[in-house]
Protein backbone atom coordinates (compact mmCIF):
# COMPACT_ATOMS: atom_id res chain seq x y z
CA UNK A 1 71.66 -68.95 -34.73
CA UNK A 2 74.91 -67.75 -35.35
CA UNK A 3 75.78 -64.01 -34.26
CA UNK A 4 75.94 -60.81 -36.59
CA UNK A 5 79.26 -60.29 -38.03
CA UNK A 6 80.03 -57.09 -36.24
CA UNK A 7 79.62 -59.37 -32.67
CA UNK A 8 82.50 -61.19 -31.06
CA UNK A 9 81.92 -64.77 -31.26
CA UNK A 10 79.63 -65.53 -28.30
CA UNK A 11 78.64 -62.11 -27.47
CA UNK A 12 75.29 -60.92 -27.74
CA UNK A 13 74.81 -58.35 -30.48
CA UNK A 14 75.12 -54.84 -29.36
CA UNK A 15 72.53 -53.52 -31.11
CA UNK A 16 69.97 -56.24 -29.45
CA UNK A 17 71.30 -55.52 -26.05
CA UNK A 18 70.48 -51.82 -26.83
CA UNK A 19 67.09 -52.17 -27.90
CA UNK A 20 66.21 -54.55 -24.82
CA UNK A 21 67.60 -51.43 -22.75
CA UNK A 22 65.43 -49.40 -24.17
CA UNK A 23 62.01 -51.66 -23.81
CA UNK A 24 62.77 -51.96 -20.35
CA UNK A 25 63.22 -48.41 -19.26
CA UNK A 26 59.11 -47.96 -19.44
CA UNK A 27 58.53 -51.50 -17.92
CA UNK A 28 61.21 -50.30 -15.27
CA UNK A 29 59.43 -47.07 -14.70
CA UNK A 30 55.83 -49.17 -14.45
CA UNK A 31 57.31 -51.27 -11.77
CA UNK A 32 58.56 -48.73 -9.74
CA UNK A 33 55.36 -46.79 -9.74
CA UNK A 34 53.62 -49.93 -8.51
CA UNK A 35 56.72 -51.01 -5.90
CA UNK A 36 58.03 -54.03 -7.55
CA UNK A 37 61.79 -53.76 -6.66
CA UNK A 38 64.71 -55.03 -8.05
CA UNK A 39 65.18 -58.41 -6.14
CA UNK A 40 61.43 -59.20 -6.94
CA UNK A 41 62.13 -58.78 -10.41
CA UNK A 42 65.39 -61.06 -9.86
CA UNK A 43 63.08 -63.71 -8.23
CA UNK A 44 60.52 -63.33 -11.16
CA UNK A 45 63.30 -63.68 -13.73
CA UNK A 46 65.02 -66.13 -12.24
CA UNK A 47 61.93 -68.77 -12.72
CA UNK A 48 61.21 -67.57 -16.24
CA UNK A 49 64.35 -68.07 -17.32
CA UNK A 50 64.64 -71.64 -16.13
CA UNK A 51 61.26 -72.20 -17.52
CA UNK A 52 61.80 -70.94 -20.90
CA UNK A 53 64.77 -73.00 -21.15
CA UNK A 54 63.73 -75.88 -20.35
CA UNK A 55 60.28 -75.59 -22.63
CA UNK A 56 61.91 -74.17 -25.39
CA UNK A 57 65.41 -75.03 -25.80
CA UNK A 58 65.31 -78.43 -25.81
CA UNK A 59 68.33 -80.60 -27.32
CA UNK A 60 66.40 -82.84 -29.31
CA UNK A 61 64.19 -85.47 -27.47
CA UNK A 62 66.44 -85.52 -24.70
CA UNK A 63 65.59 -84.71 -20.98
CA UNK A 64 66.54 -81.35 -19.72
CA UNK A 65 69.08 -81.77 -17.10
CA UNK A 66 69.72 -78.94 -14.31
CA UNK A 67 73.41 -78.80 -15.56
CA UNK A 68 72.32 -77.83 -18.99
CA UNK A 69 69.83 -75.17 -17.73
CA UNK A 70 72.44 -73.81 -15.63
CA UNK A 71 74.46 -73.63 -18.68
CA UNK A 72 72.18 -71.82 -20.80
CA UNK A 73 70.84 -69.60 -18.24
CA UNK A 74 73.64 -68.75 -15.60
CA UNK A 75 70.87 -69.48 -13.02
CA UNK A 76 72.62 -71.35 -10.32
CA UNK A 77 72.24 -75.05 -10.31
CA UNK A 78 70.41 -75.15 -6.69
CA UNK A 79 68.41 -72.41 -7.73
CA UNK A 80 67.35 -74.61 -10.99
CA UNK A 81 66.79 -77.62 -9.16
CA UNK A 82 64.22 -75.96 -6.70
CA UNK A 83 62.38 -73.92 -8.99
CA UNK A 84 62.15 -76.93 -11.25
CA UNK A 85 60.62 -78.90 -8.29
CA UNK A 86 58.49 -76.19 -7.71
CA UNK A 87 54.80 -76.29 -9.42
CA UNK A 88 54.40 -73.36 -12.15
CA UNK A 89 51.13 -71.66 -11.39
CA UNK A 90 50.00 -69.43 -13.95
CA UNK A 91 48.76 -65.96 -13.13
CA UNK A 92 45.15 -65.41 -13.17
CA UNK A 93 43.45 -63.22 -16.01
CA UNK A 94 40.28 -61.37 -14.91
CA UNK A 95 37.47 -63.71 -16.58
CA UNK A 96 35.46 -60.66 -17.18
CA UNK A 97 38.24 -59.06 -19.65
CA UNK A 98 38.87 -62.68 -21.79
CA UNK A 99 34.74 -63.41 -21.82
CA UNK A 100 34.07 -59.28 -22.34
CA UNK A 101 36.49 -59.31 -25.36
CA UNK A 102 34.79 -62.08 -26.91
CA UNK A 103 31.31 -60.90 -26.51
CA UNK A 104 32.77 -57.50 -27.73
CA UNK A 105 34.03 -59.11 -30.83
CA UNK A 106 31.02 -60.79 -31.45
CA UNK A 107 28.47 -57.60 -31.17
CA UNK A 108 31.40 -55.25 -33.20
CA UNK A 109 31.46 -58.36 -35.89
CA UNK A 110 28.30 -59.88 -36.24
CA UNK A 111 25.80 -58.00 -39.00
CA UNK A 112 22.66 -59.02 -36.54
CA UNK A 113 24.13 -56.46 -33.95
CA UNK A 114 24.69 -53.96 -36.28
CA UNK A 115 23.36 -51.00 -37.61
CA UNK A 116 23.15 -49.59 -41.17
CA UNK A 117 26.12 -48.32 -40.93
CA UNK A 118 27.68 -51.32 -39.94
CA UNK A 119 27.82 -49.73 -36.32
CA UNK A 120 27.06 -51.77 -33.22
CA UNK A 121 23.70 -51.05 -32.26
CA UNK A 122 22.07 -50.49 -28.50
CA UNK A 123 20.55 -54.00 -27.68
CA UNK A 124 17.42 -54.62 -25.76
CA UNK A 125 18.14 -56.04 -22.27
CA UNK A 126 14.60 -57.21 -21.21
CA UNK A 127 12.79 -60.09 -22.92
CA UNK A 128 9.36 -59.86 -24.85
CA UNK A 129 7.34 -62.30 -23.11
CA UNK A 130 9.12 -65.34 -22.89
CA UNK A 131 11.77 -64.93 -25.46
CA UNK A 132 15.39 -63.88 -25.13
CA UNK A 133 16.23 -60.41 -25.20
CA UNK A 134 18.89 -59.44 -27.90
CA UNK A 135 21.59 -58.94 -25.29
CA UNK A 136 20.79 -62.31 -23.89
CA UNK A 137 21.05 -63.74 -27.28
CA UNK A 138 24.54 -62.35 -27.68
CA UNK A 139 25.93 -63.43 -24.49
CA UNK A 140 24.34 -66.87 -25.20
CA UNK A 141 26.27 -67.12 -28.46
CA UNK A 142 29.50 -66.64 -26.60
CA UNK A 143 29.11 -68.30 -23.04
CA UNK A 144 26.79 -71.00 -23.54
CA UNK A 145 24.86 -70.73 -20.14
CA UNK A 146 27.83 -70.69 -18.40
CA UNK A 147 27.69 -66.81 -17.32
CA UNK A 148 24.53 -64.74 -16.89
CA UNK A 149 23.93 -61.33 -18.73
CA UNK A 150 23.29 -59.28 -15.87
CA UNK A 151 26.67 -60.14 -14.39
CA UNK A 152 28.74 -58.85 -17.76
CA UNK A 153 26.03 -55.78 -17.69
CA UNK A 154 27.04 -54.95 -14.29
CA UNK A 155 30.64 -55.57 -15.09
CA UNK A 156 30.83 -53.47 -18.36
CA UNK A 157 29.08 -50.54 -16.39
CA UNK A 158 31.80 -50.44 -14.06
CA UNK A 159 34.43 -50.28 -16.30
CA UNK A 160 33.08 -47.95 -18.57
CA UNK A 161 32.38 -50.43 -21.75
CA UNK A 162 28.70 -49.53 -22.30
CA UNK A 163 25.87 -47.37 -21.08
CA UNK A 164 21.89 -48.24 -20.22
CA UNK A 165 19.53 -46.52 -21.50
CA UNK A 166 15.29 -46.98 -22.25
CA UNK A 167 16.01 -50.71 -21.53
CA UNK A 168 18.75 -50.90 -24.06
CA UNK A 169 22.34 -51.13 -23.47
CA UNK A 170 25.08 -49.48 -25.63
CA UNK A 171 28.49 -49.90 -26.65
CA UNK A 172 30.58 -47.25 -26.24
CA UNK A 173 32.99 -46.23 -29.18
CA UNK A 174 36.67 -47.92 -28.24
CA UNK A 175 35.16 -50.85 -26.35
CA UNK A 176 38.02 -53.25 -27.07
CA UNK A 177 39.76 -51.52 -23.73
CA UNK A 178 38.14 -50.40 -20.85
CA UNK A 179 38.32 -47.07 -19.52
CA UNK A 180 38.34 -48.07 -15.73
CA UNK A 181 39.63 -51.26 -14.17
CA UNK A 182 42.96 -52.05 -13.53
CA UNK A 183 43.14 -55.72 -13.65
CA UNK A 184 41.48 -55.53 -16.84
CA UNK A 185 43.73 -53.23 -18.28
CA UNK A 186 46.70 -55.40 -17.10
CA UNK A 187 45.57 -58.17 -18.59
CA UNK A 188 45.10 -56.84 -21.95
CA UNK A 189 48.82 -54.85 -21.43
CA UNK A 190 50.45 -58.34 -20.93
CA UNK A 191 48.89 -60.34 -23.52
CA UNK A 192 49.37 -57.42 -26.28
CA UNK A 193 53.10 -56.57 -25.34
CA UNK A 194 53.76 -60.25 -24.92
CA UNK A 195 52.48 -61.15 -28.61
CA UNK A 196 54.00 -58.20 -29.70
CA UNK A 197 57.60 -58.61 -28.88
CA UNK A 198 57.07 -62.25 -29.77
CA UNK A 199 56.65 -61.01 -33.24
CA UNK A 200 59.77 -59.05 -33.18
CA UNK A 201 61.62 -62.08 -31.45
CA UNK A 202 60.44 -64.08 -34.70
CA UNK A 203 61.36 -61.38 -36.96
CA UNK A 204 65.18 -60.74 -35.17
CA UNK A 205 65.70 -64.70 -35.48
CA UNK A 206 64.94 -64.49 -39.24
CA UNK A 207 62.13 -66.81 -39.17
CA UNK A 208 59.73 -66.49 -42.04
CA UNK A 209 57.29 -65.51 -42.84
CA UNK A 210 57.89 -62.27 -41.16
CA UNK A 211 55.25 -60.71 -39.28
CA UNK A 212 54.04 -57.35 -40.01
CA UNK A 213 55.50 -55.10 -37.59
CA UNK A 214 55.58 -51.56 -38.75
CA UNK A 215 55.23 -47.67 -37.31
CA UNK A 216 55.24 -44.03 -38.50
CA UNK A 217 57.62 -41.69 -36.45
CA UNK A 218 57.70 -38.04 -36.98
CA UNK A 219 58.97 -35.08 -34.63
CA UNK A 220 58.92 -31.46 -35.31
CA UNK A 221 55.51 -31.35 -34.48
CA UNK A 222 53.07 -28.63 -32.82
CA UNK A 223 51.05 -29.54 -30.36
CA UNK A 224 48.10 -28.64 -32.57
CA UNK A 225 49.16 -31.18 -35.04
CA UNK A 226 49.60 -34.18 -32.34
CA UNK A 227 46.08 -33.17 -31.56
CA UNK A 228 45.37 -33.70 -35.23
CA UNK A 229 46.94 -36.64 -35.46
CA UNK A 230 46.37 -38.56 -32.51
CA UNK A 231 42.37 -38.05 -33.46
CA UNK A 232 43.27 -39.78 -37.05
CA UNK A 233 45.13 -42.18 -35.14
CA UNK A 234 42.18 -43.29 -33.23
CA UNK A 235 39.67 -43.07 -36.29
CA UNK A 236 41.85 -44.94 -38.43
CA UNK A 237 43.02 -47.64 -35.98
CA UNK A 238 39.32 -48.46 -34.91
CA UNK A 239 38.58 -48.62 -38.21
CA UNK A 240 41.05 -51.13 -38.82
CA UNK A 241 40.24 -53.01 -35.56
CA UNK A 242 36.60 -53.59 -36.32
CA UNK A 243 37.36 -54.49 -39.86
CA UNK A 244 39.65 -57.30 -38.93
CA UNK A 245 37.47 -58.61 -36.09
CA UNK A 246 34.88 -58.59 -39.00
CA UNK A 247 37.04 -61.01 -40.94
CA UNK A 248 38.33 -63.00 -38.23
CA UNK A 249 34.74 -63.49 -36.58
CA UNK A 250 33.80 -64.79 -40.26
CA UNK A 251 36.81 -67.49 -40.53
CA UNK A 252 36.18 -68.46 -36.96
CA UNK A 253 32.70 -69.57 -37.98
CA UNK A 254 33.93 -71.47 -41.08
CA UNK A 255 36.90 -73.33 -39.81
CA UNK A 256 35.10 -74.68 -36.41
CA UNK A 257 34.77 -78.12 -38.26
CA UNK A 258 38.41 -78.01 -39.61
CA UNK A 259 40.82 -80.68 -38.30
CA UNK A 260 43.36 -77.82 -38.05
CA UNK A 261 41.51 -75.16 -36.36
CA UNK A 262 44.01 -74.41 -33.67
CA UNK A 263 45.98 -71.22 -34.48
CA UNK A 264 45.34 -67.75 -32.99
CA UNK A 265 46.13 -64.51 -34.21
CA UNK A 266 46.38 -61.17 -32.46
CA UNK A 267 46.15 -57.72 -34.30
CA UNK A 268 46.87 -54.62 -32.38
CA UNK A 269 47.85 -50.74 -33.19
CA UNK A 270 49.08 -48.48 -30.81
CA UNK A 271 50.05 -44.87 -30.74
CA UNK A 272 52.41 -42.91 -28.83
CA UNK A 273 53.20 -39.49 -28.40
CA UNK A 274 55.28 -37.58 -26.04
CA UNK A 275 57.66 -34.17 -26.18
CA UNK A 276 61.17 -34.73 -27.16
CA UNK A 277 62.54 -32.57 -24.75
CA UNK A 278 60.95 -34.55 -21.49
CA UNK A 279 61.42 -38.13 -23.23
CA UNK A 280 64.79 -39.04 -24.12
CA UNK A 281 63.67 -42.88 -24.19
CA UNK A 282 61.91 -41.99 -27.67
CA UNK A 283 65.08 -40.08 -28.89
CA UNK A 284 65.99 -41.53 -32.50
CA UNK A 285 69.33 -43.35 -33.08
CA UNK A 286 71.77 -41.22 -34.64
């Protein structure tokens, strides 16, 4: 891909460099808060640079050489050779997060588990006679017997995703993201931001069709207005997520037998606010 006209030949676009510096600031704050130091980051970056260059920047069908990856990344050839010889291990994601998200998606999207207003109704957790309880049926439809419903219930109670009363389990509003559980929050943090940045990457590279990536920005707001807008964002955001979840669940069921059913979609919404005087990262460009 050719560089923009305002960039010297072979140099990265200044606007892209400035954008990357912006997105790195909150990430660096988070890493410093959890004692992830610069030397640790360099080790991660070396490994990721080599892995991405090897997998995503191949020259036709030719095997990638250490020299070419060194040329692409700037990582020393000795490090390239070592990193390519090491077995790459994918970071483990908490099973409760991935399975729990699927179960919540079915609960919010399947009409069998919704009330007359389309809201998730409380489900029985004690079976009548020998039949499965409603919650057992829900878990079985997703996990096919691979995990016991009680394990899910105990984990959800720990995370604040659900509550129990009168032998029925109720899903809390906004359960797409748990209130507690650092590992679960970190899982969704990585999963969602990775896809958001990938959508932006796709658009910046000029690929078509472009992914939808828009936001609404206003400053000069009072604290009271901020509270009202935050409540509106929660309301509209949750409705959009619920509607998309229902549609995606229906499409997934309809596509189950199709030979090309190997695509995925990640639709997300975010809301952020801060005081302008105390958050220079979010100042609009002049």
